[in-house]
Amino acid sequence: MSKKLLLIDGSSMLVTCFYGNAHFLYQKTGDTSKLMQTKDGVFTNGVYTMAKTLLNIIKKQKPTHIAVAWDVNRESLVRRQKYEAYKANRAETKPELGEQFGTMQLVLKAMNIPTFNLISHEADDIIGTFAKKFEQDIPTYVMTKDQDALQLITENTRVWLGTKSAEKMYGERGIDHKTLNIPDGFFEFTPLTFQEEYGIQPIQMIDKKAVEGDSSDNIPGVRGVGPTAVVPLLQEYGTLEEIYEVIENNPEKELKEFFKTLGIKQSPI
């Protein structure tokens, strides 16, 4: 059997499974009476769906190695200490979901699947560390809904990104996603499909986020530079540092005219 490492963002997956298996009354009114739970009143709808999904993935993908990474507490994050507003726009986790994190980790322990967390860092930090450490030795697959993970894509690492556009993206490429044996709602990104979708290299996702910001994490971008301008700038200059180098060392009028040739209607300076 050929080796295969599967790295899963457990927090992202459990949240998705929780809401995917939440009764419509709960989603509409917050009524928890119809949520799956034990006779003792312990909520299990997210745990049930996540365990079922994992077993299906294991059956179809046959990974030889699996690791599940978890977020802990955003208040203790190094990023939060450096930037107080980081993720400050996130709502508090609902109690009926929050109590399932511990239960799911116990289930994973019973399944002999190792779990990892760091109080100062996030699940995607752990996943990124593992991917970079092991991808040269074993083909690596990352399962998440976090676009930040796209920077990890290489010839040895693929990212299964949860997105509502997955089916459309497969259709545009004439790919029958059933042949990939990955869960519905996830698109498998390779270096080629990433460039087709975003027009830049995977590693440039770092610079893209830095320039345009990330509203989901409450991170502001560079004022006046949106998604339509950031890609041509990165295609031309490569990195955020190079963009600033050019701006600081060239006449503003000439740059504005050149930016127009890149297809940027509103100059970022």
C-alpha atoms as a PDB file:
ATOM      1  CA  MET A   1       0.000   0.000   0.000  1.00  0.00           C
ATOM      2  CA  SER A   2       1.364   3.412  -0.992  1.00  0.00           C
ATOM      3  CA  LYS A   3       1.691   5.933   1.820  1.00  0.00           C
ATOM      4  CA  LYS A   4      -0.711   8.848   2.165  1.00  0.00           C
ATOM      5  CA  LEU A   5      -0.924  11.493   4.903  1.00  0.00           C
ATOM      6  CA  LEU A   6      -4.275  13.161   5.585  1.00  0.00           C
ATOM      7  CA  LEU A   7      -4.275  16.338   7.696  1.00  0.00           C
ATOM      8  CA  ILE A   8      -7.686  17.508   8.881  1.00  0.00           C
ATOM      9  CA  ASP A   9      -8.780  20.799  10.410  1.00  0.00           C
ATOM     10  CA  GLY A  10     -10.931  19.239  13.121  1.00  0.00           C
ATOM     11  CA  SER A  11     -12.529  22.476  14.308  1.00  0.00           C
ATOM     12  CA  SER A  12     -13.592  23.413  10.800  1.00  0.00           C
ATOM     13  CA  MET A  13     -14.891  19.926  10.089  1.00  0.00           C
ATOM     14  CA  LEU A  14     -16.901  19.624  13.304  1.00  0.00           C
ATOM     15  CA  VAL A  15     -18.558  23.016  12.812  1.00  0.00           C
ATOM     16  CA  THR A  16     -19.513  22.055   9.250  1.00  0.00           C
ATOM     17  CA  CYS A  17     -20.873  18.700  10.392  1.00  0.00           C
ATOM     18  CA  PHE A  18     -22.774  20.293  13.271  1.00  0.00           C
ATOM     19  CA  TYR A  19     -24.668  22.736  11.077  1.00  0.00           C
ATOM     20  CA  GLY A  20     -25.019  20.208   8.266  1.00  0.00           C
ATOM     21  CA  ASN A  21     -26.871  17.903  10.649  1.00  0.00           C
ATOM     22  CA  ALA A  22     -28.755  20.562  12.620  1.00  0.00           C
ATOM     23  CA  HIS A  23     -32.532  20.327  12.420  1.00  0.00           C
ATOM     24  CA  PHE A  24     -34.124  23.169  10.443  1.00  0.00           C
ATOM     25  CA  LEU A  25     -35.985  24.306  13.567  1.00  0.00           C
ATOM     26  CA  TYR A  26     -32.666  24.849  15.326  1.00  0.00           C
ATOM     27  CA  GLN A  27     -31.239  26.793  12.412  1.00  0.00           C
ATOM     28  CA  LYS A  28     -34.382  28.917  12.179  1.00  0.00           C
ATOM     29  CA  THR A  29     -35.320  29.441  15.832  1.00  0.00           C
ATOM     30  CA  GLY A  30     -32.496  28.057  17.971  1.00  0.00           C
ATOM     31  CA  ASP A  31     -34.751  25.285  19.271  1.00  0.00           C
ATOM     32  CA  THR A  32     -32.401  22.479  20.339  1.00  0.00           C
ATOM     33  CA  SER A  33     -35.090  19.864  21.048  1.00  0.00           C
ATOM     34  CA  LYS A  34     -34.702  18.210  17.657  1.00  0.00           C
ATOM     35  CA  LEU A  35     -30.880  18.071  17.699  1.00  0.00           C
ATOM     36  CA  MET A  36     -29.397  14.579  17.935  1.00  0.00           C
ATOM     37  CA  GLN A  37     -28.410  13.861  21.543  1.00  0.00           C
ATOM     38  CA  THR A  38     -27.931  11.033  24.022  1.00  0.00           C
ATOM     39  CA  LYS A  39     -30.564  10.035  26.578  1.00  0.00           C
ATOM     40  CA  ASP A  40     -28.580  12.111  29.077  1.00  0.00           C
ATOM     41  CA  GLY A  41     -28.956  15.232  26.936  1.00  0.00           C
ATOM     42  CA  VAL A  42     -25.420  15.326  25.487  1.00  0.00           C
ATOM     43  CA  PHE A  43     -25.560  16.789  21.974  1.00  0.00           C
ATOM     44  CA  THR A  44     -24.012  14.495  19.361  1.00  0.00           C
ATOM     45  CA  ASN A  45     -25.221  15.612  15.921  1.00  0.00           C
ATOM     46  CA  GLY A  46     -21.841  17.078  14.898  1.00  0.00           C
ATOM     47  CA  VAL A  47     -19.899  14.170  16.392  1.00  0.00           C
ATOM     48  CA  TYR A  48     -22.079  11.615  14.622  1.00  0.00           C
ATOM     49  CA  THR A  49     -21.728  13.277  11.220  1.00  0.00           C
ATOM     50  CA  MET A  50     -17.992  13.892  11.568  1.00  0.00           C
ATOM     51  CA  ALA A  51     -17.301  10.300  12.632  1.00  0.00           C
ATOM     52  CA  LYS A  52     -19.408   8.989   9.762  1.00  0.00           C
ATOM     53  CA  THR A  53     -17.610  11.273   7.295  1.00  0.00           C
ATOM     54  CA  LEU A  54     -14.185  10.216   8.580  1.00  0.00           C
ATOM     55  CA  LEU A  55     -15.014   6.523   8.286  1.00  0.00           C
ATOM     56  CA  ASN A  56     -16.152   7.091   4.713  1.00  0.00           C
ATOM     57  CA  ILE A  57     -12.960   8.982   3.859  1.00  0.00           C
ATOM     58  CA  ILE A  58     -10.800   6.275   5.394  1.00  0.00           C
ATOM     59  CA  LYS A  59     -12.672   3.603   3.434  1.00  0.00           C
ATOM     60  CA  LYS A  60     -12.331   5.408   0.098  1.00  0.00           C
ATOM     61  CA  GLN A  61      -8.944   7.119   0.441  1.00  0.00           C
ATOM     62  CA  LYS A  62      -7.157   4.497   2.551  1.00  0.00           C
ATOM     63  CA  PRO A  63      -4.711   6.968   4.147  1.00  0.00           C
ATOM     64  CA  THR A  64      -1.836   5.308   5.973  1.00  0.00           C
ATOM     65  CA  HIS A  65      -1.441   8.297   8.310  1.00  0.00           C
ATOM     66  CA  ILE A  66      -4.015  10.750   9.712  1.00  0.00           C
ATOM     67  CA  ALA A  67      -3.739  13.709  12.064  1.00  0.00           C
ATOM     68  CA  VAL A  68      -6.547  15.989  13.235  1.00  0.00           C
ATOM     69  CA  ALA A  69      -5.661  19.500  14.413  1.00  0.00           C
ATOM     70  CA  TRP A  70      -7.836  21.659  16.661  1.00  0.00           C
ATOM     71  CA  ASP A  71      -8.215  25.304  17.572  1.00  0.00           C
ATOM     72  CA  VAL A  72      -8.220  25.973  21.305  1.00  0.00           C
ATOM     73  CA  ASN A  73      -9.001  29.517  22.453  1.00  0.00           C
ATOM     74  CA  ARG A  74      -8.667  32.601  20.289  1.00  0.00           C
ATOM     75  CA  GLU A  75      -7.980  34.782  23.339  1.00  0.00           C
ATOM     76  CA  SER A  76      -4.664  32.986  23.926  1.00  0.00           C
ATOM     77  CA  LEU A  77      -3.428  33.175  20.342  1.00  0.00           C
ATOM     78  CA  VAL A  78      -0.093  34.810  19.571  1.00  0.00           C
ATOM     79  CA  ARG A  79      -1.827  36.623  16.706  1.00  0.00           C
ATOM     80  CA  ARG A  80      -4.385  38.058  19.127  1.00  0.00           C
ATOM     81  CA  GLN A  81      -1.596  39.348  21.348  1.00  0.00           C
ATOM     82  CA  LYS A  82      -0.006  41.096  18.371  1.00  0.00           C
ATOM     83  CA  TYR A  83      -3.281  42.372  16.911  1.00  0.00           C
ATOM     84  CA  GLU A  84      -6.093  42.688  19.439  1.00  0.00           C
ATOM     85  CA  ALA A  85      -8.847  42.880  16.815  1.00  0.00           C
ATOM     86  CA  TYR A  86      -7.876  39.535  15.276  1.00  0.00           C
ATOM     87  CA  LYS A  87     -11.083  37.474  14.923  1.00  0.00           C
ATOM     88  CA  ALA A  88     -12.857  39.906  17.234  1.00  0.00           C
ATOM     89  CA  ASN A  89     -15.802  39.810  14.823  1.00  0.00           C
ATOM     90  CA  ARG A  90     -16.437  36.109  15.491  1.00  0.00           C
ATOM     91  CA  ALA A  91     -19.557  35.157  17.420  1.00  0.00           C
ATOM     92  CA  GLU A  92     -19.255  33.029  20.537  1.00  0.00           C
ATOM     93  CA  THR A  93     -19.531  29.282  19.944  1.00  0.00           C
ATOM     94  CA  LYS A  94     -22.996  27.970  20.735  1.00  0.00           C
ATOM     95  CA  PRO A  95     -22.986  25.738  23.859  1.00  0.00           C
ATOM     96  CA  GLU A  96     -24.613  22.818  22.045  1.00  0.00           C
ATOM     97  CA  LEU A  97     -21.749  22.897  19.536  1.00  0.00           C
ATOM     98  CA  GLY A  98     -18.989  23.753  22.017  1.00  0.00           C
ATOM     99  CA  GLU A  99     -19.605  20.699  24.179  1.00  0.00           C
ATOM    100  CA  GLN A 100     -19.086  18.408  21.183  1.00  0.00           C
ATOM    101  CA  PHE A 101     -15.409  19.289  20.691  1.00  0.00           C
ATOM    102  CA  GLY A 102     -14.340  17.277  23.719  1.00  0.00           C
ATOM    103  CA  THR A 103     -16.633  14.403  22.789  1.00  0.00           C
ATOM    104  CA  MET A 104     -15.264  14.278  19.243  1.00  0.00           C
ATOM    105  CA  GLN A 105     -11.695  14.155  20.480  1.00  0.00           C
ATOM    106  CA  LEU A 106     -12.608  11.208  22.706  1.00  0.00           C
ATOM    107  CA  VAL A 107     -14.149   9.479  19.688  1.00  0.00           C
ATOM    108  CA  LEU A 108     -10.964  10.081  17.686  1.00  0.00           C
ATOM    109  CA  LYS A 109      -8.894   8.641  20.511  1.00  0.00           C
ATOM    110  CA  ALA A 110     -11.072   5.511  20.434  1.00  0.00           C
ATOM    111  CA  MET A 111     -10.530   5.362  16.653  1.00  0.00           C
ATOM    112  CA  ASN A 112      -6.758   5.563  17.252  1.00  0.00           C
ATOM    113  CA  ILE A 113      -6.548   8.838  15.293  1.00  0.00           C
ATOM    114  CA  PRO A 114      -4.078  11.288  16.869  1.00  0.00           C
ATOM    115  CA  THR A 115      -5.208  14.828  17.640  1.00  0.00           C
ATOM    116  CA  PHE A 116      -3.083  17.942  18.124  1.00  0.00           C
ATOM    117  CA  ASN A 117      -3.609  21.426  19.525  1.00  0.00           C
ATOM    118  CA  LEU A 118      -1.503  24.314  20.780  1.00  0.00           C
ATOM    119  CA  ILE A 119      -2.943  26.937  23.094  1.00  0.00           C
ATOM    120  CA  SER A 120      -1.009  29.727  21.357  1.00  0.00           C
ATOM    121  CA  HIS A 121      -1.670  28.711  17.759  1.00  0.00           C
ATOM    122  CA  GLU A 122      -4.443  27.585  15.452  1.00  0.00           C
ATOM    123  CA  ALA A 123      -5.249  24.317  13.733  1.00  0.00           C
ATOM    124  CA  ASP A 124      -3.955  25.583  10.400  1.00  0.00           C
ATOM    125  CA  ASP A 125      -0.574  26.400  11.987  1.00  0.00           C
ATOM    126  CA  ILE A 126      -0.241  22.773  13.060  1.00  0.00           C
ATOM    127  CA  ILE A 127      -1.380  21.520   9.668  1.00  0.00           C
ATOM    128  CA  GLY A 128       1.084  23.774   7.869  1.00  0.00           C
ATOM    129  CA  THR A 129       3.938  22.588  10.078  1.00  0.00           C
ATOM    130  CA  PHE A 130       3.143  18.929   9.464  1.00  0.00           C
ATOM    131  CA  ALA A 131       2.680  19.414   5.715  1.00  0.00           C
ATOM    132  CA  LYS A 132       6.062  21.098   5.315  1.00  0.00           C
ATOM    133  CA  LYS A 133       7.795  18.534   7.499  1.00  0.00           C
ATOM    134  CA  PHE A 134       6.425  15.401   5.857  1.00  0.00           C
ATOM    135  CA  GLU A 135       5.456  16.225   2.263  1.00  0.00           C
ATOM    136  CA  GLN A 136       8.850  15.225   0.862  1.00  0.00           C
ATOM    137  CA  ASP A 137       8.484  11.771   2.408  1.00  0.00           C
ATOM    138  CA  ILE A 138       4.806  11.073   1.886  1.00  0.00           C
ATOM    139  CA  PRO A 139       2.044  12.486  -0.377  1.00  0.00           C
ATOM    140  CA  THR A 140       0.046  14.894   1.779  1.00  0.00           C
ATOM    141  CA  TYR A 141      -3.608  15.946   1.663  1.00  0.00           C
ATOM    142  CA  VAL A 142      -5.137  18.789   3.680  1.00  0.00           C
ATOM    143  CA  MET A 143      -8.875  18.942   4.403  1.00  0.00           C
ATOM    144  CA  THR A 144     -10.197  22.341   5.529  1.00  0.00           C
ATOM    145  CA  LYS A 145     -12.523  25.250   4.770  1.00  0.00           C
ATOM    146  CA  ASP A 146      -9.795  27.808   5.467  1.00  0.00           C
ATOM    147  CA  GLN A 147      -8.374  29.475   2.358  1.00  0.00           C
ATOM    148  CA  ASP A 148      -5.151  30.187   4.260  1.00  0.00           C
ATOM    149  CA  ALA A 149      -4.244  26.527   3.696  1.00  0.00           C
ATOM    150  CA  LEU A 150      -4.019  27.097  -0.053  1.00  0.00           C
ATOM    151  CA  GLN A 151      -0.507  28.480   0.411  1.00  0.00           C
ATOM    152  CA  LEU A 152       0.562  24.909   1.287  1.00  0.00           C
ATOM    153  CA  ILE A 153      -0.176  23.523  -2.182  1.00  0.00           C
ATOM    154  CA  THR A 154       2.828  21.942  -3.903  1.00  0.00           C
ATOM    155  CA  GLU A 155       3.415  18.984  -6.186  1.00  0.00           C
ATOM    156  CA  ASN A 156       3.457  16.896  -2.993  1.00  0.00           C
ATOM    157  CA  THR A 157       0.589  18.547  -1.093  1.00  0.00           C
ATOM    158  CA  ARG A 158      -2.992  18.899  -2.241  1.00  0.00           C
ATOM    159  CA  VAL A 159      -5.707  20.830  -0.442  1.00  0.00           C
ATOM    160  CA  TRP A 160      -9.339  19.738  -0.243  1.00  0.00           C
ATOM    161  CA  LEU A 161     -11.069  23.067   0.268  1.00  0.00           C
ATOM    162  CA  GLY A 162     -14.655  23.167   1.479  1.00  0.00           C
ATOM    163  CA  THR A 163     -16.574  25.571  -0.752  1.00  0.00           C
ATOM    164  CA  LYS A 164     -20.116  26.018  -2.037  1.00  0.00           C
ATOM    165  CA  SER A 165     -18.590  26.435  -5.509  1.00  0.00           C
ATOM    166  CA  ALA A 166     -16.976  22.977  -5.574  1.00  0.00           C
ATOM    167  CA  GLU A 167     -19.445  21.378  -7.979  1.00  0.00           C
ATOM    168  CA  LYS A 168     -19.288  24.369 -10.327  1.00  0.00           C
ATOM    169  CA  MET A 169     -15.478  24.333 -10.288  1.00  0.00           C
ATOM    170  CA  TYR A 170     -15.370  20.634 -11.141  1.00  0.00           C
ATOM    171  CA  GLY A 171     -17.911  21.155 -13.912  1.00  0.00           C
ATOM    172  CA  GLU A 172     -15.869  23.963 -15.466  1.00  0.00           C
ATOM    173  CA  ARG A 173     -12.930  21.581 -15.710  1.00  0.00           C
ATOM    174  CA  GLY A 174     -14.863  18.542 -16.845  1.00  0.00           C
ATOM    175  CA  ILE A 175     -13.900  16.628 -13.703  1.00  0.00           C
ATOM    176  CA  ASP A 176     -16.171  13.999 -12.197  1.00  0.00           C
ATOM    177  CA  HIS A 177     -15.425  14.584  -8.530  1.00  0.00           C
ATOM    178  CA  LYS A 178     -16.841  11.171  -7.640  1.00  0.00           C
ATOM    179  CA  THR A 179     -13.686   9.643  -9.092  1.00  0.00           C
ATOM    180  CA  LEU A 180     -11.607  11.561  -6.533  1.00  0.00           C
ATOM    181  CA  ASN A 181     -13.392   9.857  -3.624  1.00  0.00           C
ATOM    182  CA  ILE A 182     -13.471  12.991  -1.483  1.00  0.00           C
ATOM    183  CA  PRO A 183     -16.516  14.375   0.379  1.00  0.00           C
ATOM    184  CA  ASP A 184     -19.112  16.443  -1.466  1.00  0.00           C
ATOM    185  CA  GLY A 185     -18.586  20.166  -1.151  1.00  0.00           C
ATOM    186  CA  PHE A 186     -14.794  19.949  -1.274  1.00  0.00           C
ATOM    187  CA  PHE A 187     -12.628  20.931  -4.240  1.00  0.00           C
ATOM    188  CA  GLU A 188      -9.227  19.311  -4.636  1.00  0.00           C
ATOM    189  CA  PHE A 189      -6.627  21.983  -5.369  1.00  0.00           C
ATOM    190  CA  THR A 190      -3.350  21.150  -7.104  1.00  0.00           C
ATOM    191  CA  PRO A 191      -0.750  23.703  -8.254  1.00  0.00           C
ATOM    192  CA  LEU A 192      -2.441  23.753 -11.690  1.00  0.00           C
ATOM    193  CA  THR A 193      -6.032  24.180 -10.518  1.00  0.00           C
ATOM    194  CA  PHE A 194      -4.968  26.813  -7.999  1.00  0.00           C
ATOM    195  CA  GLN A 195      -3.326  28.899 -10.727  1.00  0.00           C
ATOM    196  CA  GLU A 196      -6.363  28.433 -12.968  1.00  0.00           C
ATOM    197  CA  GLU A 197      -8.642  29.672 -10.205  1.00  0.00           C
ATOM    198  CA  TYR A 198      -6.563  32.493  -8.725  1.00  0.00           C
ATOM    199  CA  GLY A 199      -4.050  33.458 -11.427  1.00  0.00           C
ATOM    200  CA  ILE A 200      -1.085  33.350  -9.033  1.00  0.00           C
ATOM    201  CA  GLN A 201       1.153  30.747  -7.401  1.00  0.00           C
ATOM    202  CA  PRO A 202       0.018  29.072  -4.152  1.00  0.00           C
ATOM    203  CA  ILE A 203       2.779  30.657  -2.057  1.00  0.00           C
ATOM    204  CA  GLN A 204       1.516  34.087  -3.186  1.00  0.00           C
ATOM    205  CA  MET A 205      -1.693  33.466  -1.239  1.00  0.00           C
ATOM    206  CA  ILE A 206       0.204  34.919   1.727  1.00  0.00           C
ATOM    207  CA  ASP A 207       0.763  38.199  -0.109  1.00  0.00           C
ATOM    208  CA  LYS A 208      -2.762  38.211  -1.540  1.00  0.00           C
ATOM    209  CA  LYS A 209      -4.268  38.034   1.945  1.00  0.00           C
ATOM    210  CA  ALA A 210      -1.835  40.665   3.218  1.00  0.00           C
ATOM    211  CA  VAL A 211      -2.830  43.118   0.486  1.00  0.00           C
ATOM    212  CA  GLU A 212      -6.592  42.618   0.299  1.00  0.00           C
ATOM    213  CA  GLY A 213      -7.149  41.693   3.950  1.00  0.00           C
ATOM    214  CA  ASP A 214      -9.419  38.992   5.331  1.00  0.00           C
ATOM    215  CA  SER A 215     -12.829  40.034   6.603  1.00  0.00           C
ATOM    216  CA  SER A 216     -13.476  36.606   8.146  1.00  0.00           C
ATOM    217  CA  ASP A 217     -10.526  37.169  10.496  1.00  0.00           C
ATOM    218  CA  ASN A 218     -11.208  40.906  10.897  1.00  0.00           C
ATOM    219  CA  ILE A 219      -7.929  41.807   9.177  1.00  0.00           C
ATOM    220  CA  PRO A 220      -7.966  45.030   7.116  1.00  0.00           C
ATOM    221  CA  GLY A 221      -6.207  45.136   3.767  1.00  0.00           C
ATOM    222  CA  VAL A 222      -4.310  47.902   2.009  1.00  0.00           C
ATOM    223  CA  ARG A 223      -6.711  50.787   1.501  1.00  0.00           C
ATOM    224  CA  GLY A 224      -7.868  51.155  -2.093  1.00  0.00           C
ATOM    225  CA  VAL A 225      -6.590  47.748  -3.230  1.00  0.00           C
ATOM    226  CA  GLY A 226      -9.239  45.091  -3.673  1.00  0.00           C
ATOM    227  CA  PRO A 227      -9.333  41.614  -5.232  1.00  0.00           C
ATOM    228  CA  THR A 228      -9.367  42.946  -8.796  1.00  0.00           C
ATOM    229  CA  ALA A 229      -6.109  44.853  -8.330  1.00  0.00           C
ATOM    230  CA  VAL A 230      -4.145  42.501  -6.115  1.00  0.00           C
ATOM    231  CA  VAL A 231      -3.792  39.673  -8.645  1.00  0.00           C
ATOM    232  CA  PRO A 232      -2.284  41.805 -11.477  1.00  0.00           C
ATOM    233  CA  LEU A 233       0.062  43.419  -8.965  1.00  0.00           C
ATOM    234  CA  LEU A 234       1.285  40.045  -7.699  1.00  0.00           C
ATOM    235  CA  GLN A 235       1.560  38.685 -11.225  1.00  0.00           C
ATOM    236  CA  GLU A 236       3.810  41.603 -12.097  1.00  0.00           C
ATOM    237  CA  TYR A 237       5.853  42.014  -8.906  1.00  0.00           C
ATOM    238  CA  GLY A 238       5.599  38.699  -7.079  1.00  0.00           C
ATOM    239  CA  THR A 239       5.453  39.802  -3.451  1.00  0.00           C
ATOM    240  CA  LEU A 240       4.066  42.541  -1.211  1.00  0.00           C
ATOM    241  CA  GLU A 241       7.619  43.713  -0.501  1.00  0.00           C
ATOM    242  CA  GLU A 242       8.344  44.125  -4.210  1.00  0.00           C
ATOM    243  CA  ILE A 243       5.128  46.099  -4.734  1.00  0.00           C
ATOM    244  CA  TYR A 244       6.156  48.569  -2.024  1.00  0.00           C
ATOM    245  CA  GLU A 245       9.694  48.708  -3.404  1.00  0.00           C
ATOM    246  CA  VAL A 246       8.361  49.811  -6.778  1.00  0.00           C
ATOM    247  CA  ILE A 247       5.938  52.352  -5.274  1.00  0.00           C
ATOM    248  CA  GLU A 248       8.635  53.899  -3.093  1.00  0.00           C
ATOM    249  CA  ASN A 249      11.207  54.200  -5.888  1.00  0.00           C
ATOM    250  CA  ASN A 250       9.220  55.363  -8.913  1.00  0.00           C
ATOM    251  CA  PRO A 251       7.302  58.546  -9.799  1.00  0.00           C
ATOM    252  CA  GLU A 252       3.619  58.280  -8.878  1.00  0.00           C
ATOM    253  CA  LYS A 253       2.388  59.547 -12.248  1.00  0.00           C
ATOM    254  CA  GLU A 254       4.371  56.948 -14.199  1.00  0.00           C
ATOM    255  CA  LEU A 255       3.226  54.149 -11.908  1.00  0.00           C
ATOM    256  CA  LYS A 256      -0.430  55.102 -12.268  1.00  0.00           C
ATOM    257  CA  GLU A 257      -0.104  54.947 -16.042  1.00  0.00           C
ATOM    258  CA  PHE A 258       1.690  51.591 -15.856  1.00  0.00           C
ATOM    259  CA  PHE A 259      -0.895  50.146 -13.495  1.00  0.00           C
ATOM    260  CA  LYS A 260      -3.521  50.893 -16.151  1.00  0.00           C
ATOM    261  CA  THR A 261      -1.657  48.613 -18.555  1.00  0.00           C
ATOM    262  CA  LEU A 262      -1.994  45.852 -15.965  1.00  0.00           C
ATOM    263  CA  GLY A 263      -5.770  46.236 -16.095  1.00  0.00           C
ATOM    264  CA  ILE A 264      -6.008  48.117 -12.795  1.00  0.00           C
ATOM    265  CA  LYS A 265      -8.646  50.820 -13.213  1.00  0.00           C
ATOM    266  CA  GLN A 266      -8.172  52.462  -9.822  1.00  0.00           C
ATOM    267  CA  SER A 267      -4.561  53.049  -8.870  1.00  0.00           C
ATOM    268  CA  PRO A 268      -3.535  51.671  -5.434  1.00  0.00           C
ATOM    269  CA  ILE A 269      -1.412  54.762  -4.758  1.00  0.00           C
END
